[in-house]
Amino acid sequence: MEDRKTMSAGVFKKVGGNLEIVKMSIPKPKQGWVRIKVHYCGVCHSDNSCKYGILKNEYPRVSGHEVLGEIEKLGDGVDPIKFKIGHLVGVGWNGGNHCGSCRECLNNNRLFCKNSLITGISIDGGYAEYIVVPSDALAFIPEGMNAEETAPLLCAGVTVYCSLKNQNFKKGSLVGVLGIGGLGHLAIQFCKKMGYEVIAMSRGNSKEKTSRELGASHFVDIAKEGWVEQMKQIGSVECILLTAPFPHLVQPSLEALGVNGKLLLLCIIPEPFFADSLTMILGNKSIVSWYVGNSNDIQDTLDFAHKNHIKPIIQTFPLQAVNEVLDKINEANFRSVIKIL
């Protein structure tokens, strides 16, 4: 390690440009930070936020925020007992650096601390052989978890699990998952293992068999007329997780909910959508959303997933293929993982 000065990394050099594989200096961890030797990095739709500068990131920037690897070097002040060299750890969208004293940190909302960093946006991410992050960004990978299959849980998994856990639905509640893709197929598994009765919702019936194998008790083809009534016939739906970014699905989803039902937005809808206030008021329905999770949330997610054998369907690619993966991410029915090691 001492004679090696450079590493390979996937870098966006300008807005809208393709990711370029370049050689760059191996970063050194500053005080309170940790260097990780990256093994795998999941590919997430939000990586395009870096590509297109949606969150005003600076360029050049290494993307990737579902980072799994081993602790390789500690910066000054990092506890060597808690953060041992060689430990497998994960880093998600939230890159740590919380101040610990602002209103949001004190109210256990440290994700929204003004000092909080975003992996692959405000700091370089995991499309590289090494990454440096604040130690409070790290979650530990439970012993025995498959590293390759764990990477997507660091963003997609925590988004699903934490969003549901914080709604406080009773066990046995009827929950719909709209969109059975990279996020939705994980949502079915988490919903099932959390004790909910799951309705898988997708266009056509090509995903029915997989949805039922993952734990769905019902399947509704939202391309067919009358699907809202079909949902109502199944029962009073407490929640629909919207994982497909289609504005025209918001209003019918509200109509499909039961009294006090919640439409839970887990994806960015790229344009304005219509939601009828009368539909919401007469059924006491609401639209809520969820913004990923911090390292503590990731730890809870990993522990739950490991205990309940929740695994993403993955396809693994080399770093050189990441542009093609990002271009086709809306077509993916699985989670893509980049192998770095």
Protein backbone atom coordinates (compact mmCIF):
# COMPACT_ATOMS: atom_id res chain seq x y z
CA MET A 1 0.00 0.00 0.00
CA GLU A 2 2.86 2.36 0.83
CA ASP A 3 4.31 2.22 -2.72
CA ARG A 4 0.98 2.75 -4.37
CA LYS A 5 -0.08 6.34 -4.98
CA THR A 6 -2.97 6.13 -7.45
CA MET A 7 -6.25 4.28 -7.93
CA SER A 8 -8.88 3.78 -10.63
CA ALA A 9 -12.08 5.75 -10.23
CA GLY A 10 -15.23 6.55 -12.19
CA VAL A 11 -15.56 10.32 -12.47
CA PHE A 12 -18.17 12.70 -13.86
CA LYS A 13 -16.15 15.64 -15.18
CA LYS A 14 -19.02 17.85 -16.35
CA VAL A 15 -22.80 18.18 -16.27
CA GLY A 16 -24.44 15.56 -18.44
CA GLY A 17 -21.19 13.89 -19.38
CA ASN A 18 -20.51 10.19 -19.22
CA LEU A 19 -18.58 8.73 -16.35
CA GLU A 20 -14.90 8.41 -17.22
CA ILE A 21 -12.53 5.85 -15.73
CA VAL A 22 -9.41 7.75 -14.66
CA LYS A 23 -6.37 7.42 -12.43
CA MET A 24 -6.39 9.67 -9.39
CA SER A 25 -4.54 9.94 -6.11
CA ILE A 26 -5.57 7.59 -3.33
CA PRO A 27 -7.26 9.88 -0.77
CA LYS A 28 -5.92 10.26 2.77
CA PRO A 29 -8.36 10.28 5.70
CA LYS A 30 -8.32 13.53 7.66
CA GLN A 31 -9.12 13.83 11.36
CA GLY A 32 -12.24 11.85 12.24
CA TRP A 33 -12.40 10.20 8.81
CA VAL A 34 -11.79 6.65 7.65
CA ARG A 35 -10.42 5.22 4.41
CA ILE A 36 -12.26 2.24 2.97
CA LYS A 37 -11.00 -0.21 0.37
CA VAL A 38 -14.10 -0.63 -1.77
CA HIS A 39 -15.29 -4.13 -2.67
CA TYR A 40 -18.69 -3.36 -4.19
CA CYS A 41 -20.81 -0.33 -4.98
CA GLY A 42 -24.49 -0.54 -5.86
CA VAL A 43 -25.85 1.50 -8.75
CA CYS A 44 -28.81 3.67 -7.77
CA HIS A 45 -31.09 5.88 -9.86
CA SER A 46 -29.98 8.79 -7.67
CA ASP A 47 -26.46 8.48 -9.10
CA ASN A 48 -27.86 10.39 -12.06
CA SER A 49 -28.23 13.34 -9.66
CA CYS A 50 -24.46 13.56 -9.81
CA LYS A 51 -24.35 13.12 -13.58
CA TYR A 52 -26.82 15.92 -14.24
CA GLY A 53 -25.87 18.21 -11.36
CA ILE A 54 -29.40 18.14 -9.90
CA LEU A 55 -28.07 18.77 -6.38
CA LYS A 56 -25.50 21.34 -7.55
CA ASN A 57 -22.49 19.12 -6.93
CA GLU A 58 -19.04 20.27 -7.98
CA TYR A 59 -17.06 18.60 -10.76
CA PRO A 60 -15.13 16.44 -11.16
CA ARG A 61 -16.95 14.05 -8.83
CA VAL A 62 -16.73 10.31 -8.16
CA SER A 63 -20.30 8.98 -7.96
CA GLY A 64 -21.79 5.99 -6.11
CA HIS A 65 -23.42 5.82 -2.67
CA GLU A 66 -24.13 2.15 -1.94
CA VAL A 67 -20.55 1.50 -0.86
CA LEU A 68 -19.35 -1.68 0.79
CA GLY A 69 -15.74 -2.37 1.68
CA GLU A 70 -13.22 -2.85 4.46
CA ILE A 71 -11.67 -0.30 6.77
CA GLU A 72 -8.13 0.24 5.49
CA LYS A 73 -6.82 3.31 7.33
CA LEU A 74 -7.97 5.52 10.22
CA GLY A 75 -7.61 9.26 10.44
CA ASP A 76 -6.48 10.93 13.66
CA GLY A 77 -9.02 10.74 16.47
CA VAL A 78 -10.92 7.71 15.16
CA ASP A 79 -11.51 5.03 17.81
CA PRO A 80 -9.37 2.01 16.76
CA ILE A 81 -11.40 -0.31 19.00
CA LYS A 82 -14.76 0.52 17.43
CA PHE A 83 -13.39 0.93 13.89
CA LYS A 84 -10.95 -1.92 13.39
CA ILE A 85 -8.77 -2.30 10.32
CA GLY A 86 -10.29 -5.00 8.11
CA HIS A 87 -13.87 -4.60 9.36
CA LEU A 88 -16.46 -4.79 6.58
CA VAL A 89 -18.53 -1.60 6.59
CA GLY A 90 -21.14 0.13 4.49
CA VAL A 91 -21.78 3.76 3.52
CA GLY A 92 -25.05 5.01 2.09
CA TRP A 93 -26.39 8.27 0.66
CA ASN A 94 -25.77 10.09 3.93
CA GLY A 95 -22.05 10.71 4.29
CA GLY A 96 -22.10 11.65 7.97
CA ASN A 97 -20.27 14.73 9.33
CA HIS A 98 -23.13 15.66 11.66
CA CYS A 99 -22.44 18.48 14.10
CA GLY A 100 -24.34 16.87 17.00
CA SER A 101 -25.49 20.19 18.43
CA CYS A 102 -27.98 21.73 15.98
CA ARG A 103 -31.75 21.41 16.36
CA GLU A 104 -31.99 18.58 13.85
CA CYS A 105 -29.20 16.54 15.46
CA LEU A 106 -30.67 17.04 18.94
CA ASN A 107 -34.10 15.95 17.66
CA ASN A 108 -32.65 12.74 16.17
CA ASN A 109 -32.95 14.12 12.65
CA ARG A 110 -29.22 14.28 12.01
CA LEU A 111 -29.81 13.36 8.37
CA PHE A 112 -30.92 16.99 7.96
CA CYS A 113 -28.01 18.57 9.81
CA LYS A 114 -26.69 21.51 7.80
CA ASN A 115 -23.19 19.98 7.96
CA SER A 116 -24.36 16.59 6.69
CA LEU A 117 -22.57 15.30 3.59
CA ILE A 118 -23.96 13.32 0.65
CA THR A 119 -21.87 10.43 -0.63
CA GLY A 120 -21.13 10.79 -4.34
CA ILE A 121 -22.51 14.34 -4.37
CA SER A 122 -20.73 16.58 -1.85
CA ILE A 123 -17.89 14.07 -1.32
CA ASP A 124 -16.46 11.46 -3.66
CA GLY A 125 -18.34 8.16 -3.72
CA GLY A 126 -17.79 4.46 -4.24
CA TYR A 127 -17.09 4.12 -7.97
CA ALA A 128 -13.44 3.94 -6.95
CA GLU A 129 -10.95 1.59 -5.36
CA TYR A 130 -10.84 3.71 -2.20
CA ILE A 131 -13.14 6.20 -0.50
CA VAL A 132 -12.73 8.42 2.56
CA VAL A 133 -15.71 9.34 4.76
CA PRO A 134 -16.38 10.60 8.28
CA SER A 135 -16.51 7.71 10.76
CA ASP A 136 -20.12 8.55 11.67
CA ALA A 137 -21.15 7.57 8.13
CA LEU A 138 -20.26 3.91 8.70
CA ALA A 139 -22.48 0.93 9.45
CA PHE A 140 -21.02 -2.49 10.19
CA ILE A 141 -21.86 -5.45 7.97
CA PRO A 142 -23.28 -8.32 10.11
CA GLU A 143 -21.12 -11.41 10.13
CA GLY A 144 -22.20 -13.90 7.50
CA MET A 145 -23.95 -11.45 5.17
CA ASN A 146 -23.10 -11.78 1.50
CA ALA A 147 -21.16 -8.60 0.67
CA GLU A 148 -22.22 -8.46 -2.98
CA GLU A 149 -25.91 -8.76 -2.09
CA THR A 150 -25.64 -6.30 0.79
CA ALA A 151 -24.55 -3.22 -1.17
CA PRO A 152 -28.07 -2.30 -2.48
CA LEU A 153 -29.47 -2.41 1.05
CA LEU A 154 -27.35 0.64 1.93
CA CYS A 155 -29.75 2.95 0.06
CA ALA A 156 -32.70 1.07 -1.44
CA GLY A 157 -33.04 -1.20 1.58
CA VAL A 158 -32.84 1.50 4.23
CA THR A 159 -35.30 3.69 2.31
CA VAL A 160 -37.94 0.96 2.31
CA TYR A 161 -37.38 -0.32 5.84
CA CYS A 162 -37.16 3.04 7.61
CA SER A 163 -40.07 4.55 5.72
CA LEU A 164 -42.33 1.69 6.80
CA LYS A 165 -41.02 1.44 10.35
CA ASN A 166 -41.78 5.09 10.99
CA GLN A 167 -45.42 4.86 9.85
CA ASN A 168 -46.36 2.56 12.74
CA PHE A 169 -48.81 0.35 10.85
CA LYS A 170 -50.20 -2.60 12.78
CA LYS A 171 -49.06 -6.08 11.85
CA GLY A 172 -51.43 -7.64 9.38
CA SER A 173 -52.13 -4.31 7.67
CA LEU A 174 -52.77 -4.44 3.93
CA VAL A 175 -49.92 -2.71 2.08
CA GLY A 176 -49.49 -2.19 -1.66
CA VAL A 177 -46.18 -1.96 -3.48
CA LEU A 178 -46.56 -0.10 -6.78
CA GLY A 179 -43.69 -0.79 -9.16
CA ILE A 180 -41.83 -4.10 -8.90
CA GLY A 181 -38.36 -3.02 -9.96
CA GLY A 182 -35.09 -2.41 -8.18
CA LEU A 183 -36.78 -0.78 -5.19
CA GLY A 184 -40.15 -2.51 -5.31
CA HIS A 185 -38.86 -6.08 -5.19
CA LEU A 186 -37.07 -5.21 -1.94
CA ALA A 187 -40.19 -3.48 -0.63
CA ILE A 188 -42.24 -6.67 -1.02
CA GLN A 189 -39.73 -8.60 1.08
CA PHE A 190 -39.48 -6.00 3.84
CA CYS A 191 -43.26 -5.57 3.99
CA LYS A 192 -43.78 -9.32 4.27
CA LYS A 193 -41.14 -9.80 6.96
CA MET A 194 -42.49 -6.83 8.93
CA GLY A 195 -45.80 -8.64 9.17
CA TYR A 196 -47.88 -6.92 6.50
CA GLU A 197 -50.15 -8.47 3.88
CA VAL A 198 -48.70 -7.40 0.54
CA ILE A 199 -50.36 -6.45 -2.75
CA ALA A 200 -47.85 -6.30 -5.62
CA MET A 201 -48.91 -3.73 -8.23
CA SER A 202 -47.37 -3.68 -11.71
CA ARG A 203 -48.17 -3.16 -15.39
CA GLY A 204 -48.97 -6.52 -16.99
CA ASN A 205 -48.58 -9.85 -15.27
CA SER A 206 -44.95 -10.63 -16.16
CA LYS A 207 -43.84 -9.98 -12.58
CA GLU A 208 -46.64 -11.83 -10.80
CA LYS A 209 -44.72 -15.08 -10.27
CA THR A 210 -41.65 -13.30 -8.90
CA SER A 211 -43.79 -11.03 -6.71
CA ARG A 212 -45.53 -13.99 -5.10
CA GLU A 213 -42.23 -15.80 -4.58
CA LEU A 214 -40.92 -12.71 -2.78
CA GLY A 215 -43.90 -12.68 -0.43
CA ALA A 216 -46.85 -10.91 -2.07
CA SER A 217 -50.26 -12.41 -1.24
CA HIS A 218 -52.03 -10.56 -4.06
CA PHE A 219 -51.17 -9.18 -7.49
CA VAL A 220 -52.92 -6.34 -9.31
CA ASP A 221 -52.30 -5.42 -12.94
CA ILE A 222 -52.48 -1.60 -12.96
CA ALA A 223 -52.60 -1.59 -16.78
CA LYS A 224 -56.12 -3.04 -16.66
CA GLU A 225 -59.25 -0.98 -16.23
CA GLY A 226 -60.87 -1.37 -12.86
CA TRP A 227 -57.67 -1.96 -10.90
CA VAL A 228 -58.66 0.59 -8.26
CA GLU A 229 -61.88 -1.33 -7.58
CA GLN A 230 -59.91 -4.56 -7.47
CA MET A 231 -57.72 -3.07 -4.75
CA LYS A 232 -60.79 -2.10 -2.73
CA GLN A 233 -62.22 -5.59 -3.05
CA ILE A 234 -59.07 -7.09 -1.57
CA GLY A 235 -59.54 -4.95 1.54
CA SER A 236 -58.89 -1.62 3.21
CA VAL A 237 -55.39 -0.66 2.05
CA GLU A 238 -53.43 1.10 4.80
CA CYS A 239 -50.53 2.16 2.60
CA ILE A 240 -49.25 2.12 -0.97
CA LEU A 241 -45.51 2.47 -1.49
CA LEU A 242 -45.02 4.35 -4.74
CA THR A 243 -41.68 3.22 -6.18
CA ALA A 244 -42.42 4.07 -9.82
CA PRO A 245 -41.97 7.76 -10.79
CA PHE A 246 -45.19 8.20 -12.76
CA PRO A 247 -47.34 11.25 -11.89
CA HIS A 248 -50.52 9.77 -13.40
CA LEU A 249 -50.51 7.03 -10.74
CA VAL A 250 -50.82 9.37 -7.75
CA GLN A 251 -54.55 10.10 -7.92
CA PRO A 252 -55.77 6.53 -8.62
CA SER A 253 -53.47 5.30 -5.86
CA LEU A 254 -55.15 7.71 -3.44
CA GLU A 255 -58.52 6.38 -4.56
CA ALA A 256 -57.37 2.81 -3.94
CA LEU A 257 -56.42 3.54 -0.33
CA GLY A 258 -58.77 2.79 2.56
CA VAL A 259 -59.79 5.27 5.24
CA ASN A 260 -56.74 6.84 6.94
CA GLY A 261 -54.58 5.38 4.18
CA LYS A 262 -51.16 6.79 3.29
CA LEU A 263 -49.51 7.10 -0.10
CA LEU A 264 -45.81 6.76 0.65
CA LEU A 265 -43.55 8.40 -1.96
CA LEU A 266 -40.22 6.60 -2.25
CA CYS A 267 -39.17 7.93 -5.63
CA ILE A 268 -38.64 11.33 -7.20
CA ILE A 269 -41.50 12.17 -9.55
CA PRO A 270 -39.87 14.41 -12.17
CA GLU A 271 -42.92 16.59 -12.83
CA PRO A 272 -45.96 17.96 -10.97
CA PHE A 273 -48.76 15.53 -10.19
CA PHE A 274 -52.49 15.86 -9.50
CA ALA A 275 -53.96 14.85 -6.14
CA ASP A 276 -57.65 15.60 -5.55
CA SER A 277 -58.18 17.24 -2.16
CA LEU A 278 -61.71 15.87 -1.89
CA THR A 279 -60.43 12.30 -2.26
CA MET A 280 -57.99 12.94 0.55
CA ILE A 281 -60.30 14.79 2.93
CA LEU A 282 -63.31 12.45 2.60
CA GLY A 283 -61.10 9.44 3.36
CA ASN A 284 -58.71 11.15 5.78
CA LYS A 285 -55.94 10.11 3.41
CA SER A 286 -52.48 11.59 3.13
CA ILE A 287 -49.35 11.71 1.00
CA VAL A 288 -46.10 11.26 2.89
CA SER A 289 -42.50 10.71 1.85
CA TRP A 290 -39.23 9.43 3.24
CA TYR A 291 -35.61 10.50 2.77
CA VAL A 292 -33.24 7.50 3.08
CA GLY A 293 -31.50 7.10 6.47
CA ASN A 294 -28.33 7.75 8.46
CA SER A 295 -25.77 5.16 9.55
CA ASN A 296 -27.86 4.08 12.55
CA ASP A 297 -30.81 3.49 10.25
CA ILE A 298 -28.59 1.50 7.89
CA GLN A 299 -27.39 -0.63 10.80
CA ASP A 300 -30.99 -1.39 11.80
CA THR A 301 -31.82 -2.25 8.19
CA LEU A 302 -28.85 -4.60 7.78
CA ASP A 303 -29.55 -6.37 11.06
CA PHE A 304 -33.23 -6.84 10.13
CA ALA A 305 -32.42 -8.01 6.60
CA HIS A 306 -29.81 -10.48 7.84
CA LYS A 307 -32.14 -11.92 10.49
CA ASN A 308 -35.01 -12.26 8.02
CA HIS A 309 -33.01 -13.41 4.98
CA ILE A 310 -33.95 -10.42 2.81
CA LYS A 311 -31.81 -10.26 -0.31
CA PRO A 312 -31.95 -8.16 -3.46
CA ILE A 313 -31.97 -9.69 -6.90
CA ILE A 314 -28.69 -8.44 -8.32
CA GLN A 315 -26.63 -8.38 -11.46
CA THR A 316 -22.93 -7.59 -11.15
CA PHE A 317 -20.90 -5.49 -13.59
CA PRO A 318 -17.33 -4.21 -13.88
CA LEU A 319 -16.71 -0.50 -13.30
CA GLN A 320 -16.18 -0.03 -17.04
CA ALA A 321 -19.85 -0.87 -17.67
CA VAL A 322 -21.35 1.71 -15.31
CA ASN A 323 -22.45 4.17 -18.04
CA GLU A 324 -24.49 1.49 -19.76
CA VAL A 325 -26.02 0.46 -16.43
CA LEU A 326 -27.00 4.04 -15.58
CA ASP A 327 -28.49 4.61 -19.04
CA LYS A 328 -30.74 1.57 -18.67
CA ILE A 329 -31.54 1.88 -14.98
CA ASN A 330 -35.22 2.69 -15.60
CA GLU A 331 -35.57 -0.64 -17.40
CA ALA A 332 -33.96 -2.70 -14.64
CA ASN A 333 -35.94 -5.32 -12.70
CA PHE A 334 -33.06 -5.87 -10.29
CA ARG A 335 -30.34 -3.98 -8.46
CA SER A 336 -27.05 -3.48 -10.25
CA VAL A 337 -23.78 -3.83 -8.36
CA ILE A 338 -20.34 -2.70 -9.51
CA LYS A 339 -17.50 -5.00 -8.45
CA ILE A 340 -14.44 -2.94 -7.53
CA LEU A 341 -12.19 -5.38 -5.66
